[in-house]
Amino acid sequence: MTTNPPLSPGNEPEVLTPECMAFIADLSRRYGPRVLELLAARRAMQTRYDSGYRPRFLPETRTIRESLWTVAELPPTLPTGASRSPARSTAR
């Protein structure tokens, strides 16, 4: 198995052990074809969206979509700012 870009000489065991490389190779062999298939389907669907296609709702859900509905209140124990991702910058 090769890495792209190549690992720095001498760092291979620290970064990716032989067991880790074997695990990644196994994942690639096992799931690689399916991942490529799903990515191709995603590209094809994006092409349809780009040309104007819009998804349609199931007819049997019409009454739900057209009715008045709400969601439950947030629990009082939910901390402030819970909707922010900790990985995102808070600078605005």
N, C-alpha and C. Protein backbone atom coordinates (compact mmCIF):
# COMPACT_ATOMS: atom_id res chain seq x y z
N MET A 1 0.84 -1.16 0.00
CA MET A 1 0.00 0.00 0.00
C MET A 1 0.90 1.24 0.00
N THR A 2 0.49 2.25 -0.74
CA THR A 2 1.25 3.49 -0.77
C THR A 2 0.40 4.61 -0.21
N THR A 3 1.07 5.64 0.28
CA THR A 3 0.36 6.81 0.79
C THR A 3 0.63 7.98 -0.14
N ASN A 4 -0.31 8.88 -0.20
CA ASN A 4 -0.16 10.05 -1.05
C ASN A 4 -0.54 11.28 -0.26
N PRO A 5 0.37 12.16 0.07
CA PRO A 5 1.79 12.13 -0.28
C PRO A 5 2.52 11.08 0.55
N PRO A 6 3.70 10.68 0.09
CA PRO A 6 4.47 9.67 0.83
C PRO A 6 4.81 10.16 2.23
N LEU A 7 4.91 9.22 3.15
CA LEU A 7 5.33 9.55 4.51
C LEU A 7 6.80 9.95 4.50
N SER A 8 7.16 10.79 5.45
CA SER A 8 8.57 11.19 5.57
C SER A 8 9.40 9.98 5.97
N PRO A 9 10.59 9.83 5.39
CA PRO A 9 11.45 8.70 5.77
C PRO A 9 11.71 8.68 7.26
N GLY A 10 11.57 7.52 7.85
CA GLY A 10 11.83 7.35 9.26
C GLY A 10 10.62 7.58 10.15
N ASN A 11 9.55 8.16 9.64
CA ASN A 11 8.36 8.43 10.45
C ASN A 11 7.27 7.38 10.28
N GLU A 12 7.42 6.48 9.35
CA GLU A 12 6.36 5.52 9.08
C GLU A 12 5.88 4.77 10.32
N PRO A 13 6.80 4.17 11.13
CA PRO A 13 6.31 3.42 12.29
C PRO A 13 5.60 4.30 13.32
N GLU A 14 6.01 5.57 13.45
CA GLU A 14 5.38 6.45 14.41
C GLU A 14 3.99 6.86 13.95
N VAL A 15 3.83 7.09 12.67
CA VAL A 15 2.58 7.60 12.15
C VAL A 15 1.62 6.45 11.83
N LEU A 16 2.05 5.53 11.01
CA LEU A 16 1.21 4.41 10.62
C LEU A 16 1.97 3.10 10.84
N THR A 17 1.57 2.39 11.86
CA THR A 17 2.22 1.11 12.16
C THR A 17 1.84 0.10 11.08
N PRO A 18 2.59 -0.99 10.97
CA PRO A 18 2.21 -2.02 10.00
C PRO A 18 0.78 -2.54 10.23
N GLU A 19 0.38 -2.64 11.50
CA GLU A 19 -0.99 -3.10 11.79
C GLU A 19 -2.02 -2.10 11.28
N CYS A 20 -1.70 -0.82 11.49
CA CYS A 20 -2.60 0.24 11.03
C CYS A 20 -2.70 0.22 9.50
N MET A 21 -1.57 0.10 8.83
CA MET A 21 -1.56 0.05 7.36
C MET A 21 -2.35 -1.16 6.86
N ALA A 22 -2.21 -2.30 7.54
CA ALA A 22 -2.96 -3.49 7.15
C ALA A 22 -4.45 -3.28 7.34
N PHE A 23 -4.82 -2.62 8.42
CA PHE A 23 -6.23 -2.32 8.69
C PHE A 23 -6.79 -1.41 7.61
N ILE A 24 -6.05 -0.36 7.27
CA ILE A 24 -6.50 0.57 6.23
C ILE A 24 -6.60 -0.13 4.88
N ALA A 25 -5.63 -0.97 4.57
CA ALA A 25 -5.66 -1.72 3.31
C ALA A 25 -6.88 -2.63 3.26
N ASP A 26 -7.20 -3.28 4.39
CA ASP A 26 -8.37 -4.15 4.46
C ASP A 26 -9.65 -3.34 4.25
N LEU A 27 -9.74 -2.19 4.90
CA LEU A 27 -10.91 -1.33 4.71
C LEU A 27 -11.05 -0.91 3.25
N SER A 28 -9.94 -0.55 2.66
CA SER A 28 -9.95 -0.12 1.26
C SER A 28 -10.40 -1.24 0.33
N ARG A 29 -9.87 -2.45 0.56
CA ARG A 29 -10.28 -3.60 -0.27
C ARG A 29 -11.75 -3.93 -0.07
N ARG A 30 -12.17 -3.90 1.19
CA ARG A 30 -13.52 -4.31 1.53
C ARG A 30 -14.58 -3.30 1.10
N TYR A 31 -14.33 -2.02 1.36
CA TYR A 31 -15.36 -1.00 1.14
C TYR A 31 -15.07 -0.03 0.00
N GLY A 32 -13.87 -0.05 -0.54
CA GLY A 32 -13.51 0.88 -1.61
C GLY A 32 -14.47 0.87 -2.78
N PRO A 33 -14.80 -0.31 -3.34
CA PRO A 33 -15.73 -0.32 -4.48
C PRO A 33 -17.09 0.30 -4.14
N ARG A 34 -17.61 0.02 -2.97
CA ARG A 34 -18.91 0.58 -2.57
C ARG A 34 -18.82 2.10 -2.38
N VAL A 35 -17.72 2.56 -1.81
CA VAL A 35 -17.52 4.01 -1.63
C VAL A 35 -17.50 4.69 -3.00
N LEU A 36 -16.77 4.12 -3.95
CA LEU A 36 -16.72 4.69 -5.30
C LEU A 36 -18.09 4.69 -5.95
N GLU A 37 -18.84 3.64 -5.74
CA GLU A 37 -20.21 3.54 -6.28
C GLU A 37 -21.10 4.65 -5.69
N LEU A 38 -21.02 4.84 -4.39
CA LEU A 38 -21.83 5.87 -3.73
C LEU A 38 -21.41 7.27 -4.17
N LEU A 39 -20.12 7.49 -4.33
CA LEU A 39 -19.66 8.80 -4.80
C LEU A 39 -20.13 9.08 -6.22
N ALA A 40 -20.13 8.06 -7.07
CA ALA A 40 -20.63 8.23 -8.44
C ALA A 40 -22.12 8.56 -8.43
N ALA A 41 -22.88 7.88 -7.57
CA ALA A 41 -24.32 8.16 -7.46
C ALA A 41 -24.55 9.58 -6.94
N ARG A 42 -23.70 10.01 -6.02
CA ARG A 42 -23.82 11.38 -5.50
C ARG A 42 -23.53 12.41 -6.59
N ARG A 43 -22.49 12.16 -7.40
CA ARG A 43 -22.19 13.07 -8.50
C ARG A 43 -23.34 13.12 -9.50
N ALA A 44 -23.91 11.95 -9.81
CA ALA A 44 -25.04 11.90 -10.75
C ALA A 44 -26.24 12.67 -10.20
N MET A 45 -26.52 12.52 -8.92
CA MET A 45 -27.64 13.24 -8.31
C MET A 45 -27.37 14.73 -8.30
N GLN A 46 -26.14 15.14 -8.04
CA GLN A 46 -25.80 16.56 -8.05
C GLN A 46 -26.00 17.15 -9.44
N THR A 47 -25.65 16.37 -10.46
CA THR A 47 -25.86 16.82 -11.83
C THR A 47 -27.35 17.06 -12.09
N ARG A 48 -28.19 16.17 -11.59
CA ARG A 48 -29.64 16.34 -11.73
C ARG A 48 -30.11 17.60 -11.01
N TYR A 49 -29.63 17.82 -9.78
CA TYR A 49 -30.00 19.03 -9.03
C TYR A 49 -29.54 20.28 -9.78
N ASP A 50 -28.32 20.24 -10.31
CA ASP A 50 -27.77 21.39 -11.03
C ASP A 50 -28.57 21.72 -12.27
N SER A 51 -29.21 20.72 -12.86
CA SER A 51 -30.01 20.97 -14.07
C SER A 51 -31.48 21.27 -13.75
N GLY A 52 -31.79 21.46 -12.46
CA GLY A 52 -33.13 21.90 -12.11
C GLY A 52 -34.02 20.90 -11.40
N TYR A 53 -33.61 19.68 -11.30
CA TYR A 53 -34.43 18.68 -10.62
C TYR A 53 -34.57 19.05 -9.14
N ARG A 54 -35.75 18.86 -8.63
CA ARG A 54 -36.00 19.07 -7.21
C ARG A 54 -36.67 17.82 -6.65
N PRO A 55 -36.25 17.40 -5.47
CA PRO A 55 -36.88 16.21 -4.88
C PRO A 55 -38.35 16.46 -4.60
N ARG A 56 -39.11 15.41 -4.60
CA ARG A 56 -40.54 15.52 -4.37
C ARG A 56 -40.91 14.80 -3.08
N PHE A 57 -41.90 15.34 -2.40
CA PHE A 57 -42.39 14.70 -1.19
C PHE A 57 -43.35 13.58 -1.55
N LEU A 58 -43.45 12.59 -0.69
CA LEU A 58 -44.42 11.52 -0.88
C LEU A 58 -45.82 12.09 -0.74
N PRO A 59 -46.74 11.73 -1.63
CA PRO A 59 -48.10 12.26 -1.54
C PRO A 59 -48.77 11.94 -0.20
N GLU A 60 -48.47 10.79 0.36
CA GLU A 60 -49.11 10.41 1.62
C GLU A 60 -48.66 11.24 2.82
N THR A 61 -47.65 12.09 2.64
CA THR A 61 -47.21 12.96 3.74
C THR A 61 -47.78 14.38 3.61
N ARG A 62 -48.62 14.60 2.64
CA ARG A 62 -49.15 15.95 2.38
C ARG A 62 -49.87 16.53 3.60
N THR A 63 -50.72 15.74 4.24
CA THR A 63 -51.47 16.27 5.39
C THR A 63 -50.54 16.69 6.52
N ILE A 64 -49.47 15.97 6.71
CA ILE A 64 -48.51 16.32 7.75
C ILE A 64 -47.82 17.64 7.39
N ARG A 65 -47.38 17.76 6.15
CA ARG A 65 -46.68 18.96 5.73
C ARG A 65 -47.57 20.19 5.77
N GLU A 66 -48.84 20.03 5.50
CA GLU A 66 -49.75 21.18 5.43
C GLU A 66 -50.44 21.48 6.75
N SER A 67 -50.24 20.65 7.76
CA SER A 67 -50.88 20.90 9.04
C SER A 67 -50.01 21.81 9.91
N LEU A 68 -50.61 22.36 10.95
CA LEU A 68 -49.86 23.18 11.90
C LEU A 68 -49.23 22.24 12.92
N TRP A 69 -47.95 22.38 13.14
CA TRP A 69 -47.27 21.55 14.10
C TRP A 69 -46.11 22.32 14.69
N THR A 70 -45.69 21.88 15.85
CA THR A 70 -44.56 22.50 16.54
C THR A 70 -43.66 21.41 17.10
N VAL A 71 -42.52 21.83 17.58
CA VAL A 71 -41.60 20.89 18.24
C VAL A 71 -41.62 21.19 19.73
N ALA A 72 -41.16 20.25 20.50
CA ALA A 72 -41.14 20.41 21.96
C ALA A 72 -40.20 21.53 22.37
N GLU A 73 -40.46 22.11 23.53
CA GLU A 73 -39.59 23.14 24.09
C GLU A 73 -38.23 22.53 24.40
N LEU A 74 -37.20 23.37 24.37
CA LEU A 74 -35.87 22.90 24.77
C LEU A 74 -35.85 22.68 26.27
N PRO A 75 -35.17 21.65 26.73
CA PRO A 75 -35.10 21.41 28.17
C PRO A 75 -34.33 22.54 28.86
N PRO A 76 -34.72 22.91 30.06
CA PRO A 76 -34.05 24.01 30.76
C PRO A 76 -32.59 23.69 31.12
N THR A 77 -32.23 22.42 31.12
CA THR A 77 -30.86 22.04 31.47
C THR A 77 -29.89 22.16 30.29
N LEU A 78 -30.41 22.49 29.12
CA LEU A 78 -29.55 22.61 27.95
C LEU A 78 -28.70 23.87 28.09
N PRO A 79 -27.38 23.74 28.03
CA PRO A 79 -26.52 24.91 28.22
C PRO A 79 -26.67 25.92 27.09
N THR A 80 -26.43 27.18 27.41
CA THR A 80 -26.47 28.23 26.41
C THR A 80 -25.41 27.98 25.36
N GLY A 81 -25.76 28.23 24.11
CA GLY A 81 -24.81 28.04 23.01
C GLY A 81 -24.66 26.60 22.59
N ALA A 82 -25.61 25.74 22.96
CA ALA A 82 -25.50 24.32 22.62
C ALA A 82 -25.57 24.07 21.13
N SER A 83 -26.12 25.03 20.38
CA SER A 83 -26.22 24.82 18.94
C SER A 83 -24.90 25.10 18.24
N ARG A 84 -23.92 25.65 18.93
CA ARG A 84 -22.62 25.92 18.32
C ARG A 84 -21.75 24.68 18.38
N SER A 85 -21.04 24.46 17.30
CA SER A 85 -20.10 23.35 17.26
C SER A 85 -18.81 23.78 17.93
N PRO A 86 -18.25 22.99 18.85
CA PRO A 86 -17.00 23.38 19.50
C PRO A 86 -15.84 23.49 18.51
N ALA A 87 -15.95 22.84 17.36
CA ALA A 87 -14.87 22.90 16.38
C ALA A 87 -14.90 24.19 15.57
N ARG A 88 -16.03 24.88 15.58
CA ARG A 88 -16.15 26.11 14.81
C ARG A 88 -15.61 27.30 15.60
N SER A 89 -15.15 28.27 14.85
CA SER A 89 -14.70 29.50 15.47
C SER A 89 -15.89 30.28 15.94
N THR A 90 -15.81 30.90 17.10
CA THR A 90 -16.91 31.71 17.61
C THR A 90 -16.78 33.17 17.18
N ALA A 91 -15.67 33.49 16.49
CA ALA A 91 -15.48 34.86 16.00
C ALA A 91 -16.49 35.15 14.89
N ARG A 92 -17.07 36.33 14.96
CA ARG A 92 -18.04 36.70 13.92
C ARG A 92 -17.67 38.00 13.29
